[in-house]
Amino acid sequence: MTVLSHARQYSQYYGDRIVGAALISSAAEGVSRSLLGEILKNPALEAVRFTARSAPKLVHRGRRATRSLIKPILVAASYGDEKISPSVVAFSQKMMYGTPIPTLVGFLHALETLDETAALPTVAKIPTLIACGDRDLLTPAEYSRDMAAALPDCELLIVEGAGHLVQLEKPDIINDGLVRLVKRATPPSRLKSLTRRWRERARRHD
């Protein structure tokens, strides 16, 4: 979503300075039709959003109750396999629960009103990777398929058994996809030079 927002605002860089992009667990529009949309219809959550805009200090004082309202969204924005490493779960939860409530509320509003379809023609100028988990409840795979249909030079990667945090749940699959993207987006001569630099840097750190 951030990539699409950037492409809409700075289209002049795409195809020149920006030669490839990865959209992971993302969507161009329609997030309000997913599980997130149902959660956002909660009247209590709407009250929290109003309070966050008008009296953010009050929301901060009631952050425990506020987080209980937002918890279903945090659960949806998680994993597709219960066997995920507890340390990985703890890592992601620490980030999510450490985010200030007004920031979370603002992010939810941005998701609810999301429409970055105007950016797709800009991103279509460059090679792309679109990846998501087939158990993603926040941005289901249909959103990735919709974006891929608008991007001619796109690899669509639907990861079996993964949820919204597919890059943490199945890192090797995502990393391999990113390597393929770099190869597609980089001229062979440039790729050879970069590979040599990476190997030299790796040797220095051994």
N, C-alpha and C. Protein backbone atom coordinates (compact mmCIF):
# COMPACT_ATOMS: atom_id res chain seq x y z
N MET A 1 0.82 -1.19 0.00
CA MET A 1 0.00 0.00 0.00
C MET A 1 0.87 1.26 0.00
N THR A 2 1.95 1.20 0.75
CA THR A 2 2.87 2.34 0.77
C THR A 2 3.51 2.55 -0.59
N VAL A 3 3.85 1.45 -1.26
CA VAL A 3 4.44 1.56 -2.60
C VAL A 3 3.46 2.22 -3.56
N LEU A 4 2.19 1.82 -3.51
CA LEU A 4 1.20 2.40 -4.40
C LEU A 4 0.99 3.89 -4.11
N SER A 5 0.97 4.23 -2.83
CA SER A 5 0.84 5.65 -2.47
C SER A 5 2.02 6.45 -3.00
N HIS A 6 3.22 5.89 -2.86
CA HIS A 6 4.42 6.56 -3.37
C HIS A 6 4.35 6.71 -4.89
N ALA A 7 3.91 5.65 -5.57
CA ALA A 7 3.82 5.69 -7.04
C ALA A 7 2.84 6.75 -7.51
N ARG A 8 1.75 6.90 -6.79
CA ARG A 8 0.76 7.92 -7.16
C ARG A 8 1.33 9.32 -7.00
N GLN A 9 2.12 9.53 -5.96
CA GLN A 9 2.64 10.87 -5.67
C GLN A 9 3.92 11.20 -6.44
N TYR A 10 4.70 10.17 -6.79
CA TYR A 10 6.01 10.41 -7.41
C TYR A 10 6.19 9.52 -8.64
N SER A 11 5.24 9.58 -9.53
CA SER A 11 5.25 8.70 -10.71
C SER A 11 6.47 8.92 -11.60
N GLN A 12 7.07 10.12 -11.53
CA GLN A 12 8.19 10.45 -12.42
C GLN A 12 9.42 9.58 -12.16
N TYR A 13 9.50 8.96 -11.00
CA TYR A 13 10.68 8.14 -10.67
C TYR A 13 10.57 6.70 -11.16
N TYR A 14 9.37 6.27 -11.54
CA TYR A 14 9.15 4.86 -11.88
C TYR A 14 9.55 4.58 -13.32
N GLY A 15 10.41 3.58 -13.47
CA GLY A 15 10.98 3.27 -14.77
C GLY A 15 12.32 3.93 -14.98
N ASP A 16 12.70 4.84 -14.07
CA ASP A 16 13.98 5.54 -14.13
C ASP A 16 14.80 5.19 -12.89
N ARG A 17 14.53 5.88 -11.80
CA ARG A 17 15.25 5.58 -10.56
C ARG A 17 14.70 4.33 -9.87
N ILE A 18 13.43 4.11 -9.99
CA ILE A 18 12.80 2.93 -9.40
C ILE A 18 12.52 1.93 -10.50
N VAL A 19 13.17 0.77 -10.45
CA VAL A 19 13.10 -0.18 -11.57
C VAL A 19 12.40 -1.48 -11.20
N GLY A 20 11.94 -1.61 -9.97
CA GLY A 20 11.22 -2.80 -9.55
C GLY A 20 10.51 -2.54 -8.23
N ALA A 21 9.45 -3.30 -7.96
CA ALA A 21 8.70 -3.09 -6.72
C ALA A 21 8.07 -4.40 -6.26
N ALA A 22 7.99 -4.56 -4.94
CA ALA A 22 7.33 -5.72 -4.35
C ALA A 22 6.15 -5.24 -3.52
N LEU A 23 5.00 -5.84 -3.75
CA LEU A 23 3.79 -5.54 -2.99
C LEU A 23 3.43 -6.81 -2.21
N ILE A 24 3.67 -6.79 -0.92
CA ILE A 24 3.51 -7.98 -0.09
C ILE A 24 2.36 -7.77 0.88
N SER A 25 1.39 -8.69 0.85
CA SER A 25 0.19 -8.60 1.70
C SER A 25 -0.46 -7.24 1.53
N SER A 26 -0.74 -6.88 0.30
CA SER A 26 -1.20 -5.53 0.00
C SER A 26 -2.53 -5.55 -0.74
N ALA A 27 -2.99 -4.35 -1.09
CA ALA A 27 -4.23 -4.18 -1.84
C ALA A 27 -4.24 -2.79 -2.43
N ALA A 28 -4.93 -2.62 -3.54
CA ALA A 28 -5.08 -1.30 -4.14
C ALA A 28 -6.38 -0.64 -3.68
N GLU A 29 -7.37 -1.45 -3.35
CA GLU A 29 -8.65 -0.94 -2.86
C GLU A 29 -9.44 -2.11 -2.27
N GLY A 30 -10.61 -1.77 -1.72
CA GLY A 30 -11.55 -2.80 -1.31
C GLY A 30 -11.29 -3.45 0.02
N VAL A 31 -10.36 -2.91 0.82
CA VAL A 31 -10.06 -3.54 2.11
C VAL A 31 -11.29 -3.53 3.02
N SER A 32 -12.15 -2.53 2.85
CA SER A 32 -13.35 -2.45 3.69
C SER A 32 -14.30 -3.62 3.46
N ARG A 33 -14.11 -4.36 2.36
CA ARG A 33 -14.98 -5.52 2.08
C ARG A 33 -14.44 -6.79 2.72
N SER A 34 -13.26 -6.74 3.29
CA SER A 34 -12.67 -7.92 3.92
C SER A 34 -13.11 -8.02 5.37
N LEU A 35 -12.50 -8.94 6.11
CA LEU A 35 -12.80 -9.06 7.54
C LEU A 35 -12.56 -7.74 8.26
N LEU A 36 -11.57 -6.99 7.82
CA LEU A 36 -11.29 -5.70 8.42
C LEU A 36 -12.50 -4.79 8.36
N GLY A 37 -13.19 -4.79 7.22
CA GLY A 37 -14.37 -3.94 7.07
C GLY A 37 -15.44 -4.28 8.08
N GLU A 38 -15.64 -5.56 8.36
CA GLU A 38 -16.63 -5.97 9.35
C GLU A 38 -16.22 -5.50 10.74
N ILE A 39 -14.93 -5.63 11.05
CA ILE A 39 -14.44 -5.20 12.36
C ILE A 39 -14.61 -3.70 12.54
N LEU A 40 -14.35 -2.95 11.48
CA LEU A 40 -14.41 -1.49 11.57
C LEU A 40 -15.82 -0.96 11.76
N LYS A 41 -16.83 -1.81 11.56
CA LYS A 41 -18.22 -1.39 11.76
C LYS A 41 -18.61 -1.37 13.22
N ASN A 42 -17.73 -1.82 14.09
CA ASN A 42 -17.98 -1.83 15.53
C ASN A 42 -18.19 -0.40 16.02
N PRO A 43 -19.38 -0.06 16.57
CA PRO A 43 -19.63 1.32 17.05
C PRO A 43 -18.63 1.77 18.11
N ALA A 44 -18.21 0.84 18.96
CA ALA A 44 -17.24 1.20 20.00
C ALA A 44 -15.92 1.64 19.39
N LEU A 45 -15.52 0.98 18.30
CA LEU A 45 -14.28 1.36 17.64
C LEU A 45 -14.42 2.73 16.98
N GLU A 46 -15.60 3.02 16.45
CA GLU A 46 -15.83 4.35 15.88
C GLU A 46 -15.71 5.42 16.95
N ALA A 47 -16.18 5.12 18.16
CA ALA A 47 -16.05 6.07 19.27
C ALA A 47 -14.58 6.30 19.61
N VAL A 48 -13.80 5.23 19.56
CA VAL A 48 -12.36 5.35 19.83
C VAL A 48 -11.71 6.23 18.78
N ARG A 49 -12.08 6.05 17.52
CA ARG A 49 -11.49 6.86 16.45
C ARG A 49 -11.84 8.33 16.63
N PHE A 50 -13.08 8.60 17.00
CA PHE A 50 -13.48 10.00 17.22
C PHE A 50 -12.70 10.60 18.38
N THR A 51 -12.57 9.83 19.46
CA THR A 51 -11.84 10.32 20.63
C THR A 51 -10.36 10.53 20.31
N ALA A 52 -9.80 9.65 19.50
CA ALA A 52 -8.38 9.78 19.14
C ALA A 52 -8.12 11.06 18.39
N ARG A 53 -9.10 11.49 17.59
CA ARG A 53 -8.94 12.74 16.84
C ARG A 53 -9.15 13.96 17.72
N SER A 54 -10.12 13.87 18.63
CA SER A 54 -10.50 15.05 19.41
C SER A 54 -9.80 15.14 20.77
N ALA A 55 -9.48 13.99 21.37
CA ALA A 55 -8.85 13.99 22.69
C ALA A 55 -7.87 12.83 22.80
N PRO A 56 -6.74 12.91 22.10
CA PRO A 56 -5.79 11.79 22.08
C PRO A 56 -5.26 11.40 23.45
N LYS A 57 -5.14 12.36 24.38
CA LYS A 57 -4.64 12.03 25.71
C LYS A 57 -5.61 11.11 26.45
N LEU A 58 -6.91 11.31 26.20
CA LEU A 58 -7.91 10.46 26.84
C LEU A 58 -7.80 9.02 26.33
N VAL A 59 -7.55 8.87 25.05
CA VAL A 59 -7.37 7.54 24.48
C VAL A 59 -6.14 6.87 25.08
N HIS A 60 -5.09 7.66 25.28
CA HIS A 60 -3.86 7.10 25.85
C HIS A 60 -4.12 6.57 27.26
N ARG A 61 -4.91 7.31 28.05
CA ARG A 61 -5.19 6.86 29.42
C ARG A 61 -6.03 5.57 29.42
N GLY A 62 -6.86 5.40 28.41
CA GLY A 62 -7.68 4.20 28.33
C GLY A 62 -7.14 3.20 27.33
N ARG A 63 -5.81 3.16 27.19
CA ARG A 63 -5.21 2.35 26.14
C ARG A 63 -5.48 0.85 26.30
N ARG A 64 -5.65 0.37 27.55
CA ARG A 64 -5.91 -1.06 27.72
C ARG A 64 -7.26 -1.44 27.11
N ALA A 65 -8.29 -0.64 27.39
CA ALA A 65 -9.61 -0.91 26.81
C ALA A 65 -9.59 -0.73 25.30
N THR A 66 -8.85 0.27 24.85
CA THR A 66 -8.76 0.53 23.41
C THR A 66 -8.11 -0.63 22.69
N ARG A 67 -7.06 -1.16 23.26
CA ARG A 67 -6.36 -2.28 22.62
C ARG A 67 -7.25 -3.52 22.56
N SER A 68 -8.13 -3.69 23.54
CA SER A 68 -9.03 -4.84 23.49
C SER A 68 -9.98 -4.74 22.31
N LEU A 69 -10.33 -3.51 21.91
CA LEU A 69 -11.19 -3.31 20.74
C LEU A 69 -10.42 -3.57 19.45
N ILE A 70 -9.16 -3.19 19.45
CA ILE A 70 -8.34 -3.32 18.25
C ILE A 70 -7.77 -4.73 18.10
N LYS A 71 -7.79 -5.50 19.19
CA LYS A 71 -7.17 -6.83 19.18
C LYS A 71 -7.65 -7.72 18.02
N PRO A 72 -8.97 -7.74 17.67
CA PRO A 72 -9.38 -8.59 16.53
C PRO A 72 -8.65 -8.26 15.24
N ILE A 73 -8.32 -6.98 15.05
CA ILE A 73 -7.59 -6.59 13.85
C ILE A 73 -6.15 -7.11 13.92
N LEU A 74 -5.56 -7.03 15.11
CA LEU A 74 -4.20 -7.52 15.27
C LEU A 74 -4.13 -9.04 15.07
N VAL A 75 -5.19 -9.73 15.48
CA VAL A 75 -5.24 -11.17 15.27
C VAL A 75 -5.35 -11.48 13.78
N ALA A 76 -6.21 -10.71 13.08
CA ALA A 76 -6.36 -10.90 11.63
C ALA A 76 -5.05 -10.61 10.91
N ALA A 77 -4.32 -9.63 11.43
CA ALA A 77 -3.04 -9.25 10.80
C ALA A 77 -1.92 -10.10 11.39
N SER A 78 -2.08 -11.41 11.29
CA SER A 78 -1.07 -12.27 11.91
C SER A 78 -0.76 -13.46 11.01
N TYR A 79 -0.90 -14.66 11.53
CA TYR A 79 -0.35 -15.84 10.87
C TYR A 79 -1.44 -16.84 10.48
N GLY A 80 -1.10 -17.65 9.48
CA GLY A 80 -2.05 -18.65 9.00
C GLY A 80 -1.83 -20.02 9.60
N ASP A 81 -0.68 -20.22 10.24
CA ASP A 81 -0.33 -21.54 10.78
C ASP A 81 -0.07 -21.42 12.27
N GLU A 82 -0.78 -22.19 13.07
CA GLU A 82 -0.61 -22.13 14.52
C GLU A 82 0.76 -22.63 14.97
N LYS A 83 1.49 -23.29 14.09
CA LYS A 83 2.79 -23.85 14.45
C LYS A 83 3.92 -22.84 14.31
N ILE A 84 3.58 -21.59 14.03
CA ILE A 84 4.60 -20.56 13.87
C ILE A 84 5.43 -20.44 15.15
N SER A 85 6.70 -20.14 15.01
CA SER A 85 7.60 -20.03 16.15
C SER A 85 7.10 -18.99 17.16
N PRO A 86 7.04 -19.34 18.45
CA PRO A 86 6.60 -18.38 19.47
C PRO A 86 7.45 -17.11 19.48
N SER A 87 8.73 -17.23 19.16
CA SER A 87 9.59 -16.04 19.16
C SER A 87 9.21 -15.09 18.04
N VAL A 88 8.78 -15.63 16.90
CA VAL A 88 8.33 -14.78 15.79
C VAL A 88 7.02 -14.09 16.16
N VAL A 89 6.11 -14.83 16.80
CA VAL A 89 4.85 -14.24 17.25
C VAL A 89 5.12 -13.12 18.25
N ALA A 90 6.02 -13.37 19.19
CA ALA A 90 6.36 -12.35 20.19
C ALA A 90 6.95 -11.12 19.54
N PHE A 91 7.78 -11.33 18.52
CA PHE A 91 8.41 -10.22 17.80
C PHE A 91 7.36 -9.32 17.15
N SER A 92 6.40 -9.92 16.44
CA SER A 92 5.39 -9.13 15.74
C SER A 92 4.43 -8.47 16.73
N GLN A 93 4.06 -9.19 17.79
CA GLN A 93 3.15 -8.61 18.77
C GLN A 93 3.78 -7.44 19.50
N LYS A 94 5.06 -7.53 19.76
CA LYS A 94 5.75 -6.42 20.42
C LYS A 94 5.68 -5.17 19.57
N MET A 95 5.86 -5.32 18.26
CA MET A 95 5.76 -4.16 17.37
C MET A 95 4.35 -3.60 17.34
N MET A 96 3.35 -4.48 17.20
CA MET A 96 1.97 -4.01 17.07
C MET A 96 1.48 -3.37 18.36
N TYR A 97 1.72 -4.03 19.49
CA TYR A 97 1.24 -3.48 20.76
C TYR A 97 2.07 -2.28 21.22
N GLY A 98 3.23 -2.11 20.64
CA GLY A 98 4.04 -0.94 20.97
C GLY A 98 3.70 0.29 20.15
N THR A 99 2.82 0.14 19.18
CA THR A 99 2.43 1.27 18.34
C THR A 99 1.43 2.15 19.09
N PRO A 100 1.64 3.48 19.13
CA PRO A 100 0.70 4.37 19.82
C PRO A 100 -0.72 4.22 19.27
N ILE A 101 -1.70 4.30 20.16
CA ILE A 101 -3.10 4.13 19.77
C ILE A 101 -3.52 5.12 18.68
N PRO A 102 -3.20 6.42 18.79
CA PRO A 102 -3.60 7.34 17.70
C PRO A 102 -3.04 6.93 16.34
N THR A 103 -1.82 6.38 16.34
CA THR A 103 -1.23 5.91 15.09
C THR A 103 -2.01 4.74 14.52
N LEU A 104 -2.36 3.78 15.38
CA LEU A 104 -3.16 2.64 14.94
C LEU A 104 -4.51 3.08 14.39
N VAL A 105 -5.14 4.02 15.09
CA VAL A 105 -6.46 4.50 14.66
C VAL A 105 -6.36 5.19 13.30
N GLY A 106 -5.33 6.01 13.14
CA GLY A 106 -5.14 6.68 11.85
C GLY A 106 -4.87 5.70 10.73
N PHE A 107 -4.12 4.65 11.04
CA PHE A 107 -3.83 3.61 10.04
C PHE A 107 -5.10 2.89 9.63
N LEU A 108 -5.96 2.58 10.59
CA LEU A 108 -7.21 1.89 10.28
C LEU A 108 -8.10 2.74 9.39
N HIS A 109 -8.12 4.04 9.66
CA HIS A 109 -8.91 4.93 8.81
C HIS A 109 -8.36 4.94 7.39
N ALA A 110 -7.03 4.96 7.27
CA ALA A 110 -6.42 4.95 5.93
C ALA A 110 -6.77 3.66 5.19
N LEU A 111 -6.81 2.54 5.90
CA LEU A 111 -7.18 1.28 5.26
C LEU A 111 -8.64 1.30 4.81
N GLU A 112 -9.49 1.85 5.66
CA GLU A 112 -10.92 1.85 5.37
C GLU A 112 -11.24 2.66 4.12
N THR A 113 -10.48 3.71 3.89
CA THR A 113 -10.75 4.60 2.74
C THR A 113 -9.78 4.35 1.59
N LEU A 114 -9.02 3.27 1.66
CA LEU A 114 -7.97 3.01 0.68
C LEU A 114 -8.50 2.92 -0.75
N ASP A 115 -7.89 3.67 -1.65
CA ASP A 115 -8.12 3.52 -3.09
C ASP A 115 -6.89 4.07 -3.81
N GLU A 116 -5.98 3.18 -4.14
CA GLU A 116 -4.76 3.55 -4.84
C GLU A 116 -4.73 2.96 -6.25
N THR A 117 -5.90 2.69 -6.81
CA THR A 117 -5.95 2.10 -8.15
C THR A 117 -5.33 3.01 -9.21
N ALA A 118 -5.36 4.32 -8.97
CA ALA A 118 -4.78 5.26 -9.93
C ALA A 118 -3.27 5.08 -10.07
N ALA A 119 -2.64 4.44 -9.09
CA ALA A 119 -1.19 4.24 -9.12
C ALA A 119 -0.78 3.02 -9.94
N LEU A 120 -1.70 2.13 -10.24
CA LEU A 120 -1.34 0.88 -10.91
C LEU A 120 -0.70 1.10 -12.28
N PRO A 121 -1.19 2.03 -13.13
CA PRO A 121 -0.51 2.25 -14.41
C PRO A 121 0.95 2.68 -14.26
N THR A 122 1.26 3.40 -13.18
CA THR A 122 2.65 3.79 -12.93
C THR A 122 3.49 2.58 -12.57
N VAL A 123 2.99 1.75 -11.67
CA VAL A 123 3.73 0.56 -11.25
C VAL A 123 3.84 -0.44 -12.40
N ALA A 124 2.91 -0.38 -13.34
CA ALA A 124 2.94 -1.28 -14.49
C ALA A 124 4.15 -1.05 -15.40
N LYS A 125 4.85 0.06 -15.21
CA LYS A 125 6.03 0.37 -16.02
C LYS A 125 7.23 -0.50 -15.64
N ILE A 126 7.19 -1.14 -14.48
CA ILE A 126 8.37 -1.83 -13.95
C ILE A 126 8.02 -3.27 -13.56
N PRO A 127 9.03 -4.15 -13.46
CA PRO A 127 8.78 -5.50 -12.96
C PRO A 127 8.31 -5.47 -11.51
N THR A 128 7.37 -6.35 -11.18
CA THR A 128 6.84 -6.37 -9.83
C THR A 128 6.72 -7.79 -9.30
N LEU A 129 6.73 -7.89 -7.98
CA LEU A 129 6.40 -9.12 -7.28
C LEU A 129 5.20 -8.81 -6.40
N ILE A 130 4.14 -9.60 -6.53
CA ILE A 130 2.99 -9.49 -5.64
C ILE A 130 2.90 -10.81 -4.87
N ALA A 131 2.94 -10.72 -3.56
CA ALA A 131 2.93 -11.92 -2.72
C ALA A 131 1.95 -11.77 -1.57
N CYS A 132 1.30 -12.86 -1.23
CA CYS A 132 0.42 -12.87 -0.06
C CYS A 132 0.19 -14.31 0.37
N GLY A 133 -0.31 -14.46 1.59
CA GLY A 133 -0.65 -15.79 2.08
C GLY A 133 -2.07 -16.16 1.70
N ASP A 134 -2.31 -17.43 1.47
CA ASP A 134 -3.66 -17.84 1.09
C ASP A 134 -4.62 -17.88 2.28
N ARG A 135 -4.08 -17.64 3.49
CA ARG A 135 -4.92 -17.55 4.69
C ARG A 135 -4.95 -16.13 5.25
N ASP A 136 -4.58 -15.17 4.44
CA ASP A 136 -4.58 -13.76 4.86
C ASP A 136 -6.02 -13.29 5.02
N LEU A 137 -6.40 -12.88 6.23
CA LEU A 137 -7.75 -12.40 6.49
C LEU A 137 -7.87 -10.89 6.33
N LEU A 138 -6.75 -10.19 6.40
CA LEU A 138 -6.78 -8.73 6.33
C LEU A 138 -6.79 -8.24 4.89
N THR A 139 -5.90 -8.77 4.08
CA THR A 139 -5.87 -8.46 2.65
C THR A 139 -5.88 -9.79 1.89
N PRO A 140 -7.05 -10.39 1.72
CA PRO A 140 -7.15 -11.72 1.09
C PRO A 140 -6.51 -11.78 -0.29
N ALA A 141 -6.22 -13.00 -0.72
CA ALA A 141 -5.50 -13.22 -1.98
C ALA A 141 -6.20 -12.61 -3.19
N GLU A 142 -7.52 -12.45 -3.13
CA GLU A 142 -8.22 -11.87 -4.27
C GLU A 142 -7.72 -10.46 -4.58
N TYR A 143 -7.30 -9.73 -3.56
CA TYR A 143 -6.78 -8.38 -3.79
C TYR A 143 -5.45 -8.43 -4.53
N SER A 144 -4.63 -9.40 -4.20
CA SER A 144 -3.36 -9.57 -4.91
C SER A 144 -3.61 -9.97 -6.36
N ARG A 145 -4.58 -10.85 -6.58
CA ARG A 145 -4.90 -11.26 -7.95
C ARG A 145 -5.41 -10.07 -8.77
N ASP A 146 -6.22 -9.22 -8.15
CA ASP A 146 -6.73 -8.03 -8.85
C ASP A 146 -5.58 -7.12 -9.27
N MET A 147 -4.62 -6.90 -8.38
CA MET A 147 -3.48 -6.05 -8.73
C MET A 147 -2.65 -6.69 -9.82
N ALA A 148 -2.40 -7.98 -9.71
CA ALA A 148 -1.58 -8.68 -10.69
C ALA A 148 -2.19 -8.59 -12.09
N ALA A 149 -3.51 -8.59 -12.16
CA ALA A 149 -4.18 -8.51 -13.46
C ALA A 149 -3.91 -7.18 -14.16
N ALA A 150 -3.56 -6.15 -13.38
CA ALA A 150 -3.31 -4.83 -13.94
C ALA A 150 -1.84 -4.56 -14.21
N LEU A 151 -0.97 -5.52 -13.85
CA LEU A 151 0.47 -5.32 -13.98
C LEU A 151 1.05 -6.38 -14.92
N PRO A 152 1.44 -6.01 -16.13
CA PRO A 152 1.86 -7.00 -17.13
C PRO A 152 3.14 -7.75 -16.78
N ASP A 153 4.10 -7.08 -16.14
CA ASP A 153 5.38 -7.72 -15.81
C ASP A 153 5.40 -8.07 -14.33
N CYS A 154 4.51 -8.97 -13.94
CA CYS A 154 4.30 -9.26 -12.53
C CYS A 154 4.41 -10.75 -12.25
N GLU A 155 5.09 -11.09 -11.16
CA GLU A 155 5.04 -12.45 -10.63
C GLU A 155 4.08 -12.46 -9.46
N LEU A 156 3.05 -13.28 -9.54
CA LEU A 156 2.08 -13.42 -8.45
C LEU A 156 2.44 -14.65 -7.63
N LEU A 157 2.65 -14.44 -6.35
CA LEU A 157 3.09 -15.51 -5.46
C LEU A 157 2.09 -15.65 -4.32
N ILE A 158 1.24 -16.68 -4.39
CA ILE A 158 0.29 -16.97 -3.32
C ILE A 158 0.89 -18.09 -2.47
N VAL A 159 1.20 -17.78 -1.23
CA VAL A 159 1.93 -18.70 -0.36
C VAL A 159 0.95 -19.55 0.46
N GLU A 160 1.03 -20.84 0.26
CA GLU A 160 0.11 -21.76 0.92
C GLU A 160 0.34 -21.81 2.43
N GLY A 161 -0.75 -21.71 3.17
CA GLY A 161 -0.69 -21.85 4.62
C GLY A 161 -0.24 -20.63 5.38
N ALA A 162 -0.03 -19.51 4.70
CA ALA A 162 0.48 -18.30 5.36
C ALA A 162 -0.63 -17.27 5.53
N GLY A 163 -0.47 -16.44 6.57
CA GLY A 163 -1.41 -15.37 6.83
C GLY A 163 -0.89 -14.03 6.35
N HIS A 164 -1.32 -12.96 7.03
CA HIS A 164 -0.98 -11.61 6.58
C HIS A 164 0.51 -11.31 6.71
N LEU A 165 1.14 -11.85 7.73
CA LEU A 165 2.57 -11.61 7.93
C LEU A 165 3.39 -12.69 7.25
N VAL A 166 3.12 -12.87 5.98
CA VAL A 166 3.75 -13.95 5.21
C VAL A 166 5.26 -13.82 5.17
N GLN A 167 5.79 -12.59 5.19
CA GLN A 167 7.23 -12.40 5.11
C GLN A 167 7.94 -12.89 6.38
N LEU A 168 7.22 -12.96 7.50
CA LEU A 168 7.78 -13.53 8.72
C LEU A 168 7.48 -15.02 8.84
N GLU A 169 6.34 -15.41 8.31
CA GLU A 169 5.91 -16.80 8.43
C GLU A 169 6.63 -17.72 7.45
N LYS A 170 6.84 -17.23 6.23
CA LYS A 170 7.51 -18.01 5.18
C LYS A 170 8.63 -17.18 4.55
N PRO A 171 9.64 -16.81 5.33
CA PRO A 171 10.67 -15.88 4.83
C PRO A 171 11.45 -16.40 3.64
N ASP A 172 11.73 -17.69 3.60
CA ASP A 172 12.53 -18.23 2.49
C ASP A 172 11.80 -18.09 1.16
N ILE A 173 10.50 -18.33 1.16
CA ILE A 173 9.72 -18.20 -0.07
C ILE A 173 9.69 -16.76 -0.54
N ILE A 174 9.49 -15.83 0.39
CA ILE A 174 9.46 -14.41 0.03
C ILE A 174 10.84 -13.95 -0.42
N ASN A 175 11.89 -14.37 0.27
CA ASN A 175 13.24 -13.99 -0.12
C ASN A 175 13.58 -14.47 -1.52
N ASP A 176 13.19 -15.70 -1.84
CA ASP A 176 13.43 -16.22 -3.18
C ASP A 176 12.70 -15.39 -4.23
N GLY A 177 11.48 -14.99 -3.91
CA GLY A 177 10.72 -14.14 -4.83
C GLY A 177 11.39 -12.79 -5.03
N LEU A 178 11.94 -12.23 -3.96
CA LEU A 178 12.63 -10.95 -4.07
C LEU A 178 13.90 -11.07 -4.90
N VAL A 179 14.61 -12.19 -4.75
CA VAL A 179 15.81 -12.41 -5.57
C VAL A 179 15.43 -12.47 -7.05
N ARG A 180 14.35 -13.16 -7.36
CA ARG A 180 13.90 -13.23 -8.76
C ARG A 180 13.51 -11.85 -9.27
N LEU A 181 12.89 -11.04 -8.41
CA LEU A 181 12.51 -9.68 -8.80
C LEU A 181 13.74 -8.85 -9.12
N VAL A 182 14.75 -8.93 -8.27
CA VAL A 182 15.99 -8.18 -8.50
C VAL A 182 16.61 -8.59 -9.84
N LYS A 183 16.61 -9.87 -10.13
CA LYS A 183 17.18 -10.35 -11.39
C LYS A 183 16.38 -9.84 -12.58
N ARG A 184 15.06 -9.82 -12.46
CA ARG A 184 14.23 -9.34 -13.57
C ARG A 184 14.38 -7.84 -13.79
N ALA A 185 14.59 -7.11 -12.69
CA ALA A 185 14.61 -5.65 -12.77
C ALA A 185 15.99 -5.08 -13.06
N THR A 186 17.03 -5.91 -13.00
CA THR A 186 18.39 -5.43 -13.14
C THR A 186 19.02 -5.93 -14.44
N PRO A 187 19.59 -5.04 -15.26
CA PRO A 187 20.30 -5.49 -16.47
C PRO A 187 21.40 -6.47 -16.11
N PRO A 188 21.67 -7.48 -16.95
CA PRO A 188 22.66 -8.52 -16.62
C PRO A 188 24.03 -7.97 -16.22
N SER A 189 24.51 -6.95 -16.93
CA SER A 189 25.83 -6.40 -16.60
C SER A 189 25.83 -5.75 -15.22
N ARG A 190 24.75 -5.05 -14.92
CA ARG A 190 24.63 -4.40 -13.62
C ARG A 190 24.48 -5.44 -12.52
N LEU A 191 23.72 -6.50 -12.79
CA LEU A 191 23.52 -7.55 -11.80
C LEU A 191 24.84 -8.25 -11.48
N LYS A 192 25.67 -8.47 -12.50
CA LYS A 192 26.96 -9.12 -12.28
C LYS A 192 27.84 -8.26 -11.39
N SER A 193 27.83 -6.95 -11.63
CA SER A 193 28.62 -6.03 -10.82
C SER A 193 28.14 -6.02 -9.37
N LEU A 194 26.82 -5.97 -9.19
CA LEU A 194 26.26 -5.95 -7.84
C LEU A 194 26.57 -7.25 -7.10
N THR A 195 26.47 -8.38 -7.81
CA THR A 195 26.76 -9.67 -7.19
C THR A 195 28.20 -9.73 -6.71
N ARG A 196 29.13 -9.20 -7.51
CA ARG A 196 30.53 -9.19 -7.12
C ARG A 196 30.74 -8.34 -5.87
N ARG A 197 30.08 -7.18 -5.81
CA ARG A 197 30.20 -6.32 -4.63
C ARG A 197 29.65 -7.00 -3.38
N TRP A 198 28.49 -7.66 -3.52
CA TRP A 198 27.89 -8.33 -2.36
C TRP A 198 28.80 -9.43 -1.85
N ARG A 199 29.42 -10.18 -2.76
CA ARG A 199 30.30 -11.26 -2.34
C ARG A 199 31.54 -10.72 -1.64
N GLU A 200 32.09 -9.61 -2.17
CA GLU A 200 33.25 -9.00 -1.54
C GLU A 200 32.90 -8.48 -0.15
N ARG A 201 31.73 -7.89 -0.04
CA ARG A 201 31.30 -7.37 1.27
C ARG A 201 31.09 -8.52 2.25
N ALA A 202 30.51 -9.62 1.77
CA ALA A 202 30.27 -10.78 2.64
C ALA A 202 31.59 -11.36 3.13
N ARG A 203 32.60 -11.41 2.25
CA ARG A 203 33.91 -11.94 2.65
C ARG A 203 34.55 -11.07 3.72
N ARG A 204 34.37 -9.76 3.62
CA ARG A 204 34.96 -8.86 4.61
C ARG A 204 34.35 -9.05 5.99
N HIS A 205 33.09 -9.51 6.01
CA HIS A 205 32.40 -9.68 7.30
C HIS A 205 32.53 -11.09 7.85
N ASP A 206 33.16 -11.98 7.09
CA ASP A 206 33.34 -13.36 7.57
C ASP A 206 34.39 -13.42 8.68
